[in-house]
Amino acid sequence: EDIAPVGMLFDETPVFSYRYKGDDTPMIGLIAQDVELRRPDAVAEFGGYKAVDYSKATENARNVGMLRLAA
């Protein structure tokens, strides 16, 4: 719920703020369906819910970021 874009990673993967249904705690992260388009191996499904493996999902962004920082 309350999904709103807040920025993007170095590889242009969008980052969102959101809340889980029934929970008032604000979260920031990646949307599994967006990650799945770029890195299907970084998304798994558990009990009908998709989950992001952030180490895989952000690997390209870290590599691009390192190259940008070194330039």
N, C-alpha and C. Protein backbone atom coordinates (compact mmCIF):
# COMPACT_ATOMS: atom_id res chain seq x y z
N GLU A 1 0.83 -1.18 0.00
CA GLU A 1 0.00 0.00 0.00
C GLU A 1 0.87 1.24 0.00
N ASP A 2 0.30 2.36 -0.41
CA ASP A 2 1.00 3.65 -0.41
C ASP A 2 2.34 3.58 -1.13
N ILE A 3 2.37 2.94 -2.28
CA ILE A 3 3.61 2.79 -3.05
C ILE A 3 3.92 4.10 -3.75
N ALA A 4 5.15 4.61 -3.54
CA ALA A 4 5.57 5.87 -4.16
C ALA A 4 7.05 5.78 -4.53
N PRO A 5 7.42 6.26 -5.72
CA PRO A 5 8.83 6.23 -6.11
C PRO A 5 9.64 7.21 -5.26
N VAL A 6 10.86 6.80 -4.90
CA VAL A 6 11.74 7.68 -4.12
C VAL A 6 13.10 7.88 -4.79
N GLY A 7 13.38 7.14 -5.84
CA GLY A 7 14.66 7.28 -6.53
C GLY A 7 14.97 6.04 -7.32
N MET A 8 16.25 5.87 -7.64
CA MET A 8 16.66 4.68 -8.38
C MET A 8 18.11 4.34 -8.06
N LEU A 9 18.43 3.08 -8.29
CA LEU A 9 19.80 2.61 -8.12
C LEU A 9 20.65 3.09 -9.29
N PHE A 10 21.96 2.91 -9.21
CA PHE A 10 22.86 3.31 -10.29
C PHE A 10 22.50 2.66 -11.62
N ASP A 11 21.91 1.45 -11.59
CA ASP A 11 21.54 0.77 -12.84
C ASP A 11 20.12 1.10 -13.27
N GLU A 12 19.52 2.11 -12.65
CA GLU A 12 18.19 2.62 -12.97
C GLU A 12 17.04 1.72 -12.53
N THR A 13 17.29 0.79 -11.63
CA THR A 13 16.21 0.03 -11.01
C THR A 13 15.49 0.98 -10.05
N PRO A 14 14.17 1.13 -10.20
CA PRO A 14 13.45 2.07 -9.34
C PRO A 14 13.37 1.60 -7.89
N VAL A 15 13.41 2.56 -6.97
CA VAL A 15 13.30 2.32 -5.53
C VAL A 15 12.02 3.00 -5.05
N PHE A 16 11.28 2.32 -4.18
CA PHE A 16 9.98 2.81 -3.73
C PHE A 16 9.87 2.84 -2.22
N SER A 17 9.02 3.73 -1.73
CA SER A 17 8.55 3.62 -0.35
C SER A 17 7.20 2.92 -0.43
N TYR A 18 6.88 2.17 0.62
CA TYR A 18 5.62 1.40 0.62
C TYR A 18 5.33 0.92 2.03
N ARG A 19 4.15 0.37 2.22
CA ARG A 19 3.76 -0.29 3.46
C ARG A 19 3.12 -1.62 3.11
N TYR A 20 3.37 -2.62 3.92
CA TYR A 20 2.66 -3.89 3.75
C TYR A 20 1.22 -3.71 4.22
N LYS A 21 0.30 -4.39 3.60
CA LYS A 21 -1.10 -4.32 4.01
C LYS A 21 -1.23 -4.71 5.47
N GLY A 22 -1.96 -3.90 6.22
CA GLY A 22 -2.18 -4.18 7.63
C GLY A 22 -1.04 -3.76 8.54
N ASP A 23 -0.01 -3.10 8.00
CA ASP A 23 1.14 -2.68 8.79
C ASP A 23 1.41 -1.21 8.50
N ASP A 24 1.50 -0.39 9.52
CA ASP A 24 1.74 1.05 9.34
C ASP A 24 3.21 1.40 9.20
N THR A 25 4.09 0.42 9.28
CA THR A 25 5.53 0.69 9.20
C THR A 25 5.94 1.04 7.78
N PRO A 26 6.51 2.23 7.55
CA PRO A 26 6.98 2.57 6.20
C PRO A 26 8.24 1.78 5.86
N MET A 27 8.34 1.35 4.63
CA MET A 27 9.48 0.58 4.15
C MET A 27 10.04 1.28 2.91
N ILE A 28 11.28 1.01 2.59
CA ILE A 28 11.89 1.48 1.34
C ILE A 28 12.58 0.29 0.72
N GLY A 29 12.37 0.08 -0.58
CA GLY A 29 13.02 -1.04 -1.23
C GLY A 29 12.61 -1.18 -2.68
N LEU A 30 12.89 -2.34 -3.21
CA LEU A 30 12.61 -2.66 -4.60
C LEU A 30 11.30 -3.43 -4.69
N ILE A 31 10.62 -3.29 -5.81
CA ILE A 31 9.40 -4.04 -6.07
C ILE A 31 9.78 -5.30 -6.84
N ALA A 32 9.38 -6.44 -6.33
CA ALA A 32 9.79 -7.72 -6.92
C ALA A 32 9.47 -7.81 -8.41
N GLN A 33 8.32 -7.30 -8.81
CA GLN A 33 7.94 -7.39 -10.22
C GLN A 33 8.89 -6.58 -11.11
N ASP A 34 9.41 -5.46 -10.61
CA ASP A 34 10.40 -4.68 -11.38
C ASP A 34 11.72 -5.43 -11.46
N VAL A 35 12.14 -5.98 -10.34
CA VAL A 35 13.40 -6.72 -10.30
C VAL A 35 13.32 -7.94 -11.22
N GLU A 36 12.18 -8.60 -11.21
CA GLU A 36 11.99 -9.82 -12.01
C GLU A 36 12.21 -9.57 -13.49
N LEU A 37 11.90 -8.38 -13.98
CA LEU A 37 12.11 -8.04 -15.39
C LEU A 37 13.59 -8.01 -15.75
N ARG A 38 14.43 -7.57 -14.80
CA ARG A 38 15.86 -7.42 -15.06
C ARG A 38 16.67 -8.62 -14.57
N ARG A 39 16.27 -9.17 -13.42
CA ARG A 39 17.00 -10.27 -12.79
C ARG A 39 16.02 -11.29 -12.24
N PRO A 40 15.44 -12.12 -13.11
CA PRO A 40 14.47 -13.11 -12.62
C PRO A 40 15.05 -14.04 -11.55
N ASP A 41 16.36 -14.25 -11.59
CA ASP A 41 17.00 -15.12 -10.60
C ASP A 41 17.07 -14.47 -9.22
N ALA A 42 16.76 -13.18 -9.12
CA ALA A 42 16.80 -12.46 -7.85
C ALA A 42 15.44 -12.41 -7.16
N VAL A 43 14.46 -13.10 -7.73
CA VAL A 43 13.11 -13.11 -7.15
C VAL A 43 12.68 -14.55 -6.90
N ALA A 44 12.15 -14.77 -5.71
CA ALA A 44 11.61 -16.09 -5.35
C ALA A 44 10.19 -15.89 -4.85
N GLU A 45 9.41 -16.97 -4.89
CA GLU A 45 8.04 -16.89 -4.42
C GLU A 45 7.86 -17.83 -3.23
N PHE A 46 7.25 -17.29 -2.18
CA PHE A 46 6.99 -18.04 -0.96
C PHE A 46 5.53 -17.84 -0.57
N GLY A 47 4.77 -18.91 -0.57
CA GLY A 47 3.37 -18.82 -0.14
C GLY A 47 2.55 -17.82 -0.92
N GLY A 48 2.84 -17.68 -2.21
CA GLY A 48 2.10 -16.74 -3.05
C GLY A 48 2.62 -15.32 -3.03
N TYR A 49 3.69 -15.05 -2.27
CA TYR A 49 4.28 -13.71 -2.21
C TYR A 49 5.67 -13.75 -2.83
N LYS A 50 6.00 -12.71 -3.58
CA LYS A 50 7.32 -12.61 -4.19
C LYS A 50 8.27 -11.91 -3.24
N ALA A 51 9.52 -12.38 -3.21
CA ALA A 51 10.55 -11.81 -2.36
C ALA A 51 11.79 -11.53 -3.19
N VAL A 52 12.49 -10.46 -2.84
CA VAL A 52 13.69 -10.03 -3.56
C VAL A 52 14.93 -10.47 -2.81
N ASP A 53 15.86 -11.08 -3.51
CA ASP A 53 17.19 -11.36 -2.99
C ASP A 53 18.03 -10.13 -3.33
N TYR A 54 18.20 -9.25 -2.35
CA TYR A 54 18.85 -7.95 -2.60
C TYR A 54 20.30 -8.10 -3.04
N SER A 55 21.01 -9.11 -2.60
CA SER A 55 22.40 -9.27 -3.04
C SER A 55 22.48 -9.49 -4.54
N LYS A 56 21.54 -10.24 -5.09
CA LYS A 56 21.50 -10.44 -6.54
C LYS A 56 20.88 -9.23 -7.25
N ALA A 57 19.81 -8.70 -6.69
CA ALA A 57 19.07 -7.62 -7.34
C ALA A 57 19.89 -6.34 -7.46
N THR A 58 20.83 -6.12 -6.54
CA THR A 58 21.61 -4.88 -6.57
C THR A 58 23.03 -5.07 -7.10
N GLU A 59 23.35 -6.26 -7.53
CA GLU A 59 24.71 -6.55 -8.01
C GLU A 59 25.12 -5.63 -9.15
N ASN A 60 24.28 -5.46 -10.16
CA ASN A 60 24.62 -4.60 -11.29
C ASN A 60 24.74 -3.15 -10.87
N ALA A 61 23.88 -2.69 -9.98
CA ALA A 61 23.94 -1.31 -9.51
C ALA A 61 25.25 -1.05 -8.76
N ARG A 62 25.67 -2.02 -7.96
CA ARG A 62 26.95 -1.85 -7.24
C ARG A 62 28.10 -1.76 -8.22
N ASN A 63 28.09 -2.59 -9.26
CA ASN A 63 29.17 -2.56 -10.25
C ASN A 63 29.17 -1.25 -11.01
N VAL A 64 28.02 -0.79 -11.43
CA VAL A 64 27.93 0.49 -12.16
C VAL A 64 28.34 1.62 -11.24
N GLY A 65 27.88 1.59 -9.99
CA GLY A 65 28.22 2.63 -9.03
C GLY A 65 29.71 2.72 -8.78
N MET A 66 30.38 1.57 -8.70
CA MET A 66 31.81 1.58 -8.49
C MET A 66 32.51 2.21 -9.68
N LEU A 67 32.05 1.90 -10.87
CA LEU A 67 32.65 2.49 -12.06
C LEU A 67 32.43 3.99 -12.08
N ARG A 68 31.26 4.46 -11.71
CA ARG A 68 30.98 5.90 -11.69
C ARG A 68 31.84 6.59 -10.64
N LEU A 69 32.00 5.99 -9.47
CA LEU A 69 32.77 6.61 -8.42
C LEU A 69 34.25 6.70 -8.79
N ALA A 70 34.74 5.73 -9.54
CA ALA A 70 36.14 5.70 -9.91
C ALA A 70 36.45 6.65 -11.05
N ALA A 71 35.44 7.09 -11.78
CA ALA A 71 35.67 7.94 -12.96
C ALA A 71 36.03 9.35 -12.60
